[in-house]
Amino acid sequence: MLGLLINDKEIKEMEYLLKREMDEILFDLGDDRIDHIVKRAMEERYKVLFSLFRRVASPGECMRYIRKDKSNKIKGQR
C-alpha cells in the first residue's frame, strides 16, 4: 500500500482532471461507431479512474458517476 500527501488545491485539481476524463469516456461509450473491444478497454479505464475519484470526491459527486453494470439489471428489464 502506498500513501500520498496532497493539499486541498491538489485534491480539487485531481477531482477536476478525473471528472473530465470520465466525462469523455462516458461520451465515447455512447458512440456506436466505436468497436466493442475498444469500448471494453474504455470501461476498464473508467473503473480505474472512478476508484481514484472515490478517494478524493464527495459521496454526492461520486453518485453522478456511478455506472449501472449490465449484470446488475433487474430481471425483466432490458
PDB file of N, CA and C in Angstrom:
ATOM      1  N   MET A   1       0.846  -1.173   0.000  1.00  0.00           N
ATOM      2  CA  MET A   1       0.000   0.000   0.000  1.00  0.00           C
ATOM      3  C   MET A   1       0.890   1.234   0.000  1.00  0.00           C
ATOM      4  N   LEU A   2       0.487   2.222  -0.771  1.00  0.00           N
ATOM      5  CA  LEU A   2       1.230   3.469  -0.858  1.00  0.00           C
ATOM      6  C   LEU A   2       0.384   4.602  -0.303  1.00  0.00           C
ATOM      7  N   GLY A   3       1.035   5.606   0.232  1.00  0.00           N
ATOM      8  CA  GLY A   3       0.342   6.782   0.735  1.00  0.00           C
ATOM      9  C   GLY A   3       0.694   7.986  -0.121  1.00  0.00           C
ATOM     10  N   LEU A   4      -0.163   8.983  -0.083  1.00  0.00           N
ATOM     11  CA  LEU A   4       0.058  10.190  -0.866  1.00  0.00           C
ATOM     12  C   LEU A   4      -0.432  11.381  -0.064  1.00  0.00           C
ATOM     13  N   LEU A   5       0.439  12.353   0.131  1.00  0.00           N
ATOM     14  CA  LEU A   5       0.074  13.559   0.846  1.00  0.00           C
ATOM     15  C   LEU A   5      -0.170  14.672  -0.167  1.00  0.00           C
ATOM     16  N   ILE A   6      -1.405  15.167  -0.227  1.00  0.00           N
ATOM     17  CA  ILE A   6      -1.720  16.260  -1.146  1.00  0.00           C
ATOM     18  C   ILE A   6      -2.575  17.284  -0.408  1.00  0.00           C
ATOM     19  N   ASN A   7      -2.454  18.533  -0.815  1.00  0.00           N
ATOM     20  CA  ASN A   7      -3.236  19.577  -0.156  1.00  0.00           C
ATOM     21  C   ASN A   7      -4.601  19.751  -0.836  1.00  0.00           C
ATOM     22  N   ASP A   8      -5.421  20.647  -0.304  1.00  0.00           N
ATOM     23  CA  ASP A   8      -6.783  20.829  -0.813  1.00  0.00           C
ATOM     24  C   ASP A   8      -6.810  21.280  -2.270  1.00  0.00           C
ATOM     25  N   LYS A   9      -5.890  22.150  -2.641  1.00  0.00           N
ATOM     26  CA  LYS A   9      -5.841  22.627  -4.020  1.00  0.00           C
ATOM     27  C   LYS A   9      -5.524  21.484  -4.979  1.00  0.00           C
ATOM     28  N   GLU A  10      -4.603  20.614  -4.584  1.00  0.00           N
ATOM     29  CA  GLU A  10      -4.244  19.463  -5.413  1.00  0.00           C
ATOM     30  C   GLU A  10      -5.385  18.461  -5.495  1.00  0.00           C
ATOM     31  N   ILE A  11      -6.144  18.323  -4.424  1.00  0.00           N
ATOM     32  CA  ILE A  11      -7.315  17.435  -4.443  1.00  0.00           C
ATOM     33  C   ILE A  11      -8.340  17.937  -5.452  1.00  0.00           C
ATOM     34  N   LYS A  12      -8.605  19.243  -5.434  1.00  0.00           N
ATOM     35  CA  LYS A  12      -9.570  19.823  -6.380  1.00  0.00           C
ATOM     36  C   LYS A  12      -9.098  19.648  -7.815  1.00  0.00           C
ATOM     37  N   GLU A  13      -7.799  19.815  -8.043  1.00  0.00           N
ATOM     38  CA  GLU A  13      -7.261  19.639  -9.387  1.00  0.00           C
ATOM     39  C   GLU A  13      -7.388  18.186  -9.839  1.00  0.00           C
ATOM     40  N   MET A  14      -7.090  17.251  -8.936  1.00  0.00           N
ATOM     41  CA  MET A  14      -7.220  15.834  -9.277  1.00  0.00           C
ATOM     42  C   MET A  14      -8.678  15.483  -9.568  1.00  0.00           C
ATOM     43  N   GLU A  15      -9.572  16.002  -8.756  1.00  0.00           N
ATOM     44  CA  GLU A  15     -11.003  15.763  -8.957  1.00  0.00           C
ATOM     45  C   GLU A  15     -11.437  16.295 -10.325  1.00  0.00           C
ATOM     46  N   TYR A  16     -10.987  17.501 -10.668  1.00  0.00           N
ATOM     47  CA  TYR A  16     -11.341  18.099 -11.953  1.00  0.00           C
ATOM     48  C   TYR A  16     -10.824  17.257 -13.122  1.00  0.00           C
ATOM     49  N   LEU A  17      -9.574  16.842 -13.049  1.00  0.00           N
ATOM     50  CA  LEU A  17      -8.992  16.038 -14.130  1.00  0.00           C
ATOM     51  C   LEU A  17      -9.691  14.692 -14.287  1.00  0.00           C
ATOM     52  N   LEU A  18      -9.997  14.052 -13.170  1.00  0.00           N
ATOM     53  CA  LEU A  18     -10.681  12.766 -13.228  1.00  0.00           C
ATOM     54  C   LEU A  18     -12.083  12.912 -13.807  1.00  0.00           C
ATOM     55  N   LYS A  19     -12.798  13.965 -13.396  1.00  0.00           N
ATOM     56  CA  LYS A  19     -14.139  14.209 -13.932  1.00  0.00           C
ATOM     57  C   LYS A  19     -14.091  14.406 -15.447  1.00  0.00           C
ATOM     58  N   ARG A  20     -13.141  15.210 -15.884  1.00  0.00           N
ATOM     59  CA  ARG A  20     -13.017  15.477 -17.314  1.00  0.00           C
ATOM     60  C   ARG A  20     -12.763  14.205 -18.099  1.00  0.00           C
ATOM     61  N   GLU A  21     -11.869  13.380 -17.606  1.00  0.00           N
ATOM     62  CA  GLU A  21     -11.543  12.135 -18.298  1.00  0.00           C
ATOM     63  C   GLU A  21     -12.726  11.168 -18.282  1.00  0.00           C
ATOM     64  N   MET A  22     -13.414  11.063 -17.144  1.00  0.00           N
ATOM     65  CA  MET A  22     -14.564  10.162 -17.059  1.00  0.00           C
ATOM     66  C   MET A  22     -15.704  10.650 -17.950  1.00  0.00           C
ATOM     67  N   ASP A  23     -15.929  11.966 -18.008  1.00  0.00           N
ATOM     68  CA  ASP A  23     -16.963  12.509 -18.896  1.00  0.00           C
ATOM     69  C   ASP A  23     -16.664  12.188 -20.354  1.00  0.00           C
ATOM     70  N   GLU A  24     -15.411  12.294 -20.732  1.00  0.00           N
ATOM     71  CA  GLU A  24     -15.018  11.987 -22.106  1.00  0.00           C
ATOM     72  C   GLU A  24     -15.251  10.508 -22.424  1.00  0.00           C
ATOM     73  N   ILE A  25     -14.909   9.646 -21.490  1.00  0.00           N
ATOM     74  CA  ILE A  25     -15.128   8.211 -21.700  1.00  0.00           C
ATOM     75  C   ILE A  25     -16.615   7.916 -21.811  1.00  0.00           C
ATOM     76  N   LEU A  26     -17.425   8.498 -20.929  1.00  0.00           N
ATOM     77  CA  LEU A  26     -18.870   8.277 -20.985  1.00  0.00           C
ATOM     78  C   LEU A  26     -19.441   8.737 -22.316  1.00  0.00           C
ATOM     79  N   PHE A  27     -18.976   9.862 -22.813  1.00  0.00           N
ATOM     80  CA  PHE A  27     -19.436  10.364 -24.106  1.00  0.00           C
ATOM     81  C   PHE A  27     -19.063   9.381 -25.216  1.00  0.00           C
ATOM     82  N   ASP A  28     -17.819   8.909 -25.206  1.00  0.00           N
ATOM     83  CA  ASP A  28     -17.355   7.984 -26.238  1.00  0.00           C
ATOM     84  C   ASP A  28     -18.045   6.623 -26.158  1.00  0.00           C
ATOM     85  N   LEU A  29     -18.426   6.195 -24.970  1.00  0.00           N
ATOM     86  CA  LEU A  29     -19.120   4.907 -24.845  1.00  0.00           C
ATOM     87  C   LEU A  29     -20.485   4.928 -25.530  1.00  0.00           C
ATOM     88  N   GLY A  30     -21.058   6.104 -25.688  1.00  0.00           N
ATOM     89  CA  GLY A  30     -22.341   6.230 -26.375  1.00  0.00           C
ATOM     90  C   GLY A  30     -22.226   6.259 -27.885  1.00  0.00           C
ATOM     91  N   ASP A  31     -21.007   6.310 -28.408  1.00  0.00           N
ATOM     92  CA  ASP A  31     -20.778   6.379 -29.846  1.00  0.00           C
ATOM     93  C   ASP A  31     -20.845   4.978 -30.454  1.00  0.00           C
ATOM     94  N   ASP A  32     -21.773   4.766 -31.368  1.00  0.00           N
ATOM     95  CA  ASP A  32     -21.959   3.451 -31.983  1.00  0.00           C
ATOM     96  C   ASP A  32     -20.851   3.085 -32.963  1.00  0.00           C
ATOM     97  N   ARG A  33     -20.072   4.065 -33.388  1.00  0.00           N
ATOM     98  CA  ARG A  33     -19.009   3.799 -34.362  1.00  0.00           C
ATOM     99  C   ARG A  33     -17.792   3.151 -33.718  1.00  0.00           C
ATOM    100  N   ILE A  34     -17.704   3.190 -32.402  1.00  0.00           N
ATOM    101  CA  ILE A  34     -16.543   2.624 -31.706  1.00  0.00           C
ATOM    102  C   ILE A  34     -16.756   1.130 -31.486  1.00  0.00           C
ATOM    103  N   ASP A  35     -15.744   0.352 -31.820  1.00  0.00           N
ATOM    104  CA  ASP A  35     -15.784  -1.104 -31.714  1.00  0.00           C
ATOM    105  C   ASP A  35     -15.970  -1.552 -30.270  1.00  0.00           C
ATOM    106  N   HIS A  36     -16.663  -2.674 -30.068  1.00  0.00           N
ATOM    107  CA  HIS A  36     -16.955  -3.151 -28.716  1.00  0.00           C
ATOM    108  C   HIS A  36     -15.690  -3.527 -27.941  1.00  0.00           C
ATOM    109  N   ILE A  37     -14.641  -3.952 -28.630  1.00  0.00           N
ATOM    110  CA  ILE A  37     -13.392  -4.291 -27.951  1.00  0.00           C
ATOM    111  C   ILE A  37     -12.761  -3.028 -27.366  1.00  0.00           C
ATOM    112  N   VAL A  38     -12.819  -1.950 -28.122  1.00  0.00           N
ATOM    113  CA  VAL A  38     -12.287  -0.673 -27.646  1.00  0.00           C
ATOM    114  C   VAL A  38     -13.133  -0.170 -26.484  1.00  0.00           C
ATOM    115  N   LYS A  39     -14.446  -0.335 -26.593  1.00  0.00           N
ATOM    116  CA  LYS A  39     -15.332   0.096 -25.510  1.00  0.00           C
ATOM    117  C   LYS A  39     -15.068  -0.683 -24.227  1.00  0.00           C
ATOM    118  N   ARG A  40     -14.739  -1.956 -24.357  1.00  0.00           N
ATOM    119  CA  ARG A  40     -14.431  -2.759 -23.177  1.00  0.00           C
ATOM    120  C   ARG A  40     -13.183  -2.216 -22.477  1.00  0.00           C
ATOM    121  N   ALA A  41     -12.183  -1.845 -23.261  1.00  0.00           N
ATOM    122  CA  ALA A  41     -10.963  -1.258 -22.686  1.00  0.00           C
ATOM    123  C   ALA A  41     -11.288   0.088 -22.039  1.00  0.00           C
ATOM    124  N   MET A  42     -12.168   0.858 -22.652  1.00  0.00           N
ATOM    125  CA  MET A  42     -12.570   2.138 -22.090  1.00  0.00           C
ATOM    126  C   MET A  42     -13.308   1.941 -20.771  1.00  0.00           C
ATOM    127  N   GLU A  43     -14.143   0.907 -20.697  1.00  0.00           N
ATOM    128  CA  GLU A  43     -14.864   0.617 -19.453  1.00  0.00           C
ATOM    129  C   GLU A  43     -13.896   0.234 -18.333  1.00  0.00           C
ATOM    130  N   GLU A  44     -12.864  -0.518 -18.661  1.00  0.00           N
ATOM    131  CA  GLU A  44     -11.860  -0.879 -17.661  1.00  0.00           C
ATOM    132  C   GLU A  44     -11.123   0.371 -17.166  1.00  0.00           C
ATOM    133  N   ARG A  45     -10.786   1.248 -18.089  1.00  0.00           N
ATOM    134  CA  ARG A  45     -10.125   2.504 -17.708  1.00  0.00           C
ATOM    135  C   ARG A  45     -11.046   3.339 -16.827  1.00  0.00           C
ATOM    136  N   TYR A  46     -12.334   3.358 -17.159  1.00  0.00           N
ATOM    137  CA  TYR A  46     -13.306   4.114 -16.368  1.00  0.00           C
ATOM    138  C   TYR A  46     -13.348   3.593 -14.930  1.00  0.00           C
ATOM    139  N   LYS A  47     -13.308   2.288 -14.777  1.00  0.00           N
ATOM    140  CA  LYS A  47     -13.334   1.693 -13.438  1.00  0.00           C
ATOM    141  C   LYS A  47     -12.136   2.153 -12.607  1.00  0.00           C
ATOM    142  N   VAL A  48     -10.958   2.183 -13.229  1.00  0.00           N
ATOM    143  CA  VAL A  48      -9.756   2.619 -12.519  1.00  0.00           C
ATOM    144  C   VAL A  48      -9.870   4.098 -12.137  1.00  0.00           C
ATOM    145  N   LEU A  49     -10.302   4.912 -13.089  1.00  0.00           N
ATOM    146  CA  LEU A  49     -10.452   6.342 -12.816  1.00  0.00           C
ATOM    147  C   LEU A  49     -11.497   6.592 -11.735  1.00  0.00           C
ATOM    148  N   PHE A  50     -12.590   5.849 -11.772  1.00  0.00           N
ATOM    149  CA  PHE A  50     -13.637   6.035 -10.775  1.00  0.00           C
ATOM    150  C   PHE A  50     -13.157   5.636  -9.384  1.00  0.00           C
ATOM    151  N   SER A  51     -12.348   4.586  -9.308  1.00  0.00           N
ATOM    152  CA  SER A  51     -11.838   4.182  -7.987  1.00  0.00           C
ATOM    153  C   SER A  51     -10.916   5.268  -7.416  1.00  0.00           C
ATOM    154  N   LEU A  52     -10.158   5.939  -8.271  1.00  0.00           N
ATOM    155  CA  LEU A  52      -9.351   7.076  -7.821  1.00  0.00           C
ATOM    156  C   LEU A  52     -10.244   8.249  -7.423  1.00  0.00           C
ATOM    157  N   PHE A  53     -11.273   8.491  -8.214  1.00  0.00           N
ATOM    158  CA  PHE A  53     -12.201   9.597  -7.965  1.00  0.00           C
ATOM    159  C   PHE A  53     -12.899   9.443  -6.619  1.00  0.00           C
ATOM    160  N   ARG A  54     -13.275   8.213  -6.276  1.00  0.00           N
ATOM    161  CA  ARG A  54     -13.946   7.966  -4.997  1.00  0.00           C
ATOM    162  C   ARG A  54     -13.095   8.381  -3.812  1.00  0.00           C
ATOM    163  N   ARG A  55     -11.788   8.344  -3.965  1.00  0.00           N
ATOM    164  CA  ARG A  55     -10.883   8.686  -2.861  1.00  0.00           C
ATOM    165  C   ARG A  55     -10.794  10.182  -2.596  1.00  0.00           C
ATOM    166  N   VAL A  56     -11.122  11.004  -3.614  1.00  0.00           N
ATOM    167  CA  VAL A  56     -10.965  12.450  -3.441  1.00  0.00           C
ATOM    168  C   VAL A  56     -12.278  13.212  -3.487  1.00  0.00           C
ATOM    169  N   ALA A  57     -13.335  12.622  -4.022  1.00  0.00           N
ATOM    170  CA  ALA A  57     -14.591  13.339  -4.223  1.00  0.00           C
ATOM    171  C   ALA A  57     -15.584  13.051  -3.098  1.00  0.00           C
ATOM    172  N   SER A  58     -16.557  13.930  -2.992  1.00  0.00           N
ATOM    173  CA  SER A  58     -17.620  13.737  -2.007  1.00  0.00           C
ATOM    174  C   SER A  58     -18.562  12.631  -2.481  1.00  0.00           C
ATOM    175  N   PRO A  59     -19.300  12.022  -1.563  1.00  0.00           N
ATOM    176  CA  PRO A  59     -20.245  10.970  -1.965  1.00  0.00           C
ATOM    177  C   PRO A  59     -21.282  11.457  -2.986  1.00  0.00           C
ATOM    178  N   GLY A  60     -21.712  12.696  -2.853  1.00  0.00           N
ATOM    179  CA  GLY A  60     -22.682  13.240  -3.809  1.00  0.00           C
ATOM    180  C   GLY A  60     -22.119  13.323  -5.214  1.00  0.00           C
ATOM    181  N   GLU A  61     -20.849  13.723  -5.329  1.00  0.00           N
ATOM    182  CA  GLU A  61     -20.202  13.784  -6.637  1.00  0.00           C
ATOM    183  C   GLU A  61     -20.018  12.376  -7.207  1.00  0.00           C
ATOM    184  N   CYS A  62     -19.698  11.433  -6.342  1.00  0.00           N
ATOM    185  CA  CYS A  62     -19.497  10.054  -6.793  1.00  0.00           C
ATOM    186  C   CYS A  62     -20.780   9.456  -7.359  1.00  0.00           C
ATOM    187  N   MET A  63     -21.904   9.823  -6.773  1.00  0.00           N
ATOM    188  CA  MET A  63     -23.190   9.290  -7.236  1.00  0.00           C
ATOM    189  C   MET A  63     -23.447   9.649  -8.697  1.00  0.00           C
ATOM    190  N   ARG A  64     -22.968  10.806  -9.122  1.00  0.00           N
ATOM    191  CA  ARG A  64     -23.180  11.244 -10.503  1.00  0.00           C
ATOM    192  C   ARG A  64     -22.430  10.379 -11.502  1.00  0.00           C
ATOM    193  N   TYR A  65     -21.367   9.726 -11.060  1.00  0.00           N
ATOM    194  CA  TYR A  65     -20.506   8.985 -11.975  1.00  0.00           C
ATOM    195  C   TYR A  65     -20.605   7.467 -11.828  1.00  0.00           C
ATOM    196  N   ILE A  66     -21.514   6.994 -10.986  1.00  0.00           N
ATOM    197  CA  ILE A  66     -21.704   5.550 -10.849  1.00  0.00           C
ATOM    198  C   ILE A  66     -22.404   5.034 -12.103  1.00  0.00           C
ATOM    199  N   ARG A  67     -21.822   3.987 -12.690  1.00  0.00           N
ATOM    200  CA  ARG A  67     -22.411   3.395 -13.890  1.00  0.00           C
ATOM    201  C   ARG A  67     -23.172   2.144 -13.508  1.00  0.00           C
ATOM    202  N   LYS A  68     -24.259   1.920 -14.170  1.00  0.00           N
ATOM    203  CA  LYS A  68     -25.021   0.692 -13.977  1.00  0.00           C
ATOM    204  C   LYS A  68     -24.308  -0.431 -14.714  1.00  0.00           C
ATOM    205  N   ASP A  69     -24.038  -1.511 -14.004  1.00  0.00           N
ATOM    206  CA  ASP A  69     -23.397  -2.669 -14.606  1.00  0.00           C
ATOM    207  C   ASP A  69     -24.462  -3.504 -15.294  1.00  0.00           C
ATOM    208  N   LYS A  70     -24.116  -4.078 -16.425  1.00  0.00           N
ATOM    209  CA  LYS A  70     -25.075  -4.891 -17.177  1.00  0.00           C
ATOM    210  C   LYS A  70     -25.595  -6.064 -16.354  1.00  0.00           C
ATOM    211  N   SER A  71     -24.739  -6.615 -15.498  1.00  0.00           N
ATOM    212  CA  SER A  71     -25.136  -7.768 -14.692  1.00  0.00           C
ATOM    213  C   SER A  71     -26.011  -7.363 -13.508  1.00  0.00           C
ATOM    214  N   ASN A  72     -26.107  -6.053 -13.190  1.00  0.00           N
ATOM    215  CA  ASN A  72     -26.894  -5.592 -12.052  1.00  0.00           C
ATOM    216  C   ASN A  72     -28.320  -5.203 -12.423  1.00  0.00           C
ATOM    217  N   LYS A  73     -28.706  -5.418 -13.672  1.00  0.00           N
ATOM    218  CA  LYS A  73     -30.052  -5.040 -14.086  1.00  0.00           C
ATOM    219  C   LYS A  73     -31.093  -5.932 -13.408  1.00  0.00           C
ATOM    220  N   ILE A  74     -32.244  -5.354 -13.146  1.00  0.00           N
ATOM    221  CA  ILE A  74     -33.336  -6.109 -12.540  1.00  0.00           C
ATOM    222  C   ILE A  74     -33.910  -7.054 -13.588  1.00  0.00           C
ATOM    223  N   LYS A  75     -34.242  -8.258 -13.165  1.00  0.00           N
ATOM    224  CA  LYS A  75     -34.800  -9.237 -14.095  1.00  0.00           C
ATOM    225  C   LYS A  75     -36.069  -8.672 -14.720  1.00  0.00           C
ATOM    226  N   GLY A  76     -36.193  -8.863 -15.999  1.00  0.00           N
ATOM    227  CA  GLY A  76     -37.362  -8.382 -16.725  1.00  0.00           C
ATOM    228  C   GLY A  76     -37.119  -7.038 -17.403  1.00  0.00           C
ATOM    229  N   GLN A  77     -36.066  -6.314 -16.967  1.00  0.00           N
ATOM    230  CA  GLN A  77     -35.740  -5.050 -17.622  1.00  0.00           C
ATOM    231  C   GLN A  77     -34.802  -5.319 -18.779  1.00  0.00           C
ATOM    232  N   ARG A  78     -34.850  -4.464 -19.761  1.00  0.00           N
ATOM    233  CA  ARG A  78     -33.953  -4.590 -20.911  1.00  0.00           C
ATOM    234  C   ARG A  78     -33.076  -3.406 -21.023  1.00  0.00           C
TER     235      ARG A  78
END
